[in-house]
Amino acid sequence: MNNQICNPEVEVPSGIAFNDKDYMNTLLSTLKELEKNLAITLTECSCEELYQQYFNLFSSVAKLQREAYEIMFRKGWYILEKAEQNKIDQKLQMLSKEFNRLS
């Protein structure tokens, strides 16, 4: 049973030089890291005006990150794996218990 969710991979040249897939991987990784750092920055803003400026920047970066992911997925460069239902159920049960404990 194939648990992968993917598109046919667009072939790129191999070798020492960067190719389109390499550039997209680097871009996606950088955008993910920037998005995480901006999320932390939002929680530490000292005033509303600064918060709004960072929130707008965060929204732009999140949109770019999503676009980069979608391009990579369409080209078959980003592969997802289907989760088994029992693993989803186990995780839901664990999170529900934790939520109830905190409530």
Protein backbone atom coordinates (compact mmCIF):
# COMPACT_ATOMS: atom_id res chain seq x y z
CA MET A 1 0.00 0.00 0.00
CA ASN A 2 1.44 3.37 -1.05
CA ASN A 3 1.11 5.92 1.75
CA GLN A 4 2.58 8.75 -0.27
CA ILE A 5 0.68 11.73 -1.60
CA CYS A 6 2.67 13.28 -4.42
CA ASN A 7 2.78 14.38 -8.02
CA PRO A 8 5.12 13.06 -10.71
CA GLU A 9 8.55 14.54 -10.11
CA VAL A 10 9.87 17.10 -12.55
CA GLU A 11 13.42 16.02 -13.33
CA VAL A 12 16.23 18.49 -12.75
CA PRO A 13 19.90 18.30 -13.70
CA SER A 14 22.11 16.61 -11.14
CA GLY A 15 25.62 17.64 -10.28
CA ILE A 16 27.47 20.16 -8.21
CA ALA A 17 25.55 23.22 -9.47
CA PHE A 18 22.28 24.23 -7.84
CA ASN A 19 19.17 23.37 -9.82
CA ASP A 20 15.59 24.62 -9.50
CA LYS A 21 14.72 21.99 -6.88
CA ASP A 22 17.74 22.99 -4.77
CA TYR A 23 16.79 26.67 -4.95
CA MET A 24 13.18 25.90 -4.01
CA ASN A 25 14.27 23.72 -1.06
CA THR A 26 16.50 26.52 0.20
CA LEU A 27 13.75 29.10 -0.28
CA LEU A 28 11.15 26.96 1.50
CA SER A 29 13.46 26.25 4.45
CA THR A 30 14.34 29.93 4.78
CA LEU A 31 10.70 31.03 4.65
CA LYS A 32 9.70 28.43 7.27
CA GLU A 33 12.43 29.62 9.62
CA LEU A 34 11.52 33.28 9.05
CA GLU A 35 7.86 32.50 9.70
CA LYS A 36 8.72 30.78 13.02
CA ASN A 37 10.92 33.69 14.11
CA LEU A 38 8.25 36.23 13.22
CA ALA A 39 5.66 34.27 15.23
CA ILE A 40 7.92 34.53 18.27
CA THR A 41 8.48 38.22 17.59
CA LEU A 42 4.73 38.81 17.56
CA THR A 43 4.41 37.47 21.09
CA GLU A 44 7.10 39.86 22.31
CA CYS A 45 6.07 43.14 20.65
CA SER A 46 6.04 46.06 23.04
CA CYS A 47 3.33 48.16 21.35
CA GLU A 48 0.36 47.73 19.05
CA GLU A 49 1.88 49.64 16.12
CA LEU A 50 4.97 47.44 16.12
CA TYR A 51 2.77 44.35 16.49
CA GLN A 52 0.73 45.33 13.42
CA GLN A 53 3.84 45.91 11.31
CA TYR A 54 5.25 42.52 12.26
CA PHE A 55 1.86 40.87 11.80
CA ASN A 56 1.64 42.22 8.24
CA LEU A 57 5.17 40.96 7.55
CA PHE A 58 4.29 37.57 9.09
CA SER A 59 1.21 37.32 6.85
CA SER A 60 3.27 38.09 3.74
CA VAL A 61 5.93 35.54 4.63
CA ALA A 62 3.29 32.89 5.43
CA LYS A 63 1.70 33.47 2.03
CA LEU A 64 5.08 33.19 0.26
CA GLN A 65 5.89 30.01 2.21
CA ARG A 66 2.59 28.47 1.14
CA GLU A 67 3.19 29.42 -2.50
CA ALA A 68 6.69 27.89 -2.42
CA TYR A 69 5.28 24.69 -0.90
CA GLU A 70 2.53 24.48 -3.54
CA ILE A 71 5.03 24.91 -6.38
CA MET A 72 7.23 22.18 -4.95
CA PHE A 73 4.28 19.85 -4.41
CA ARG A 74 3.01 20.37 -7.96
CA LYS A 75 6.47 19.57 -9.33
CA GLY A 76 6.71 16.40 -7.24
CA TRP A 77 9.53 17.82 -5.10
CA TYR A 78 7.55 17.69 -1.85
CA ILE A 79 6.04 14.37 -0.82
CA LEU A 80 3.43 13.91 1.89
CA GLU A 81 2.66 10.72 3.70
CA LYS A 82 -0.85 9.53 4.50
CA ALA A 83 -1.38 9.03 8.22
CA GLU A 84 -2.96 5.79 9.29
CA GLN A 85 -6.36 6.27 10.91
CA ASN A 86 -5.29 4.52 14.12
CA LYS A 87 -2.37 6.95 14.50
CA ILE A 88 -4.70 9.90 13.99
CA ASP A 89 -7.12 8.47 16.58
CA GLN A 90 -4.27 7.90 19.07
CA LYS A 91 -3.01 11.46 18.67
CA LEU A 92 -6.52 12.87 19.03
CA GLN A 93 -7.09 10.85 22.19
CA MET A 94 -3.76 11.99 23.65
CA LEU A 95 -4.45 15.65 22.85
CA SER A 96 -8.01 15.42 24.21
CA LYS A 97 -6.72 14.02 27.50
CA GLU A 98 -4.13 16.80 27.73
CA PHE A 99 -6.74 19.44 26.91
CA ASN A 100 -9.12 18.07 29.56
CA ARG A 101 -6.29 18.02 32.11
CA LEU A 102 -5.58 21.67 31.42
CA SER A 103 -9.25 22.72 31.54
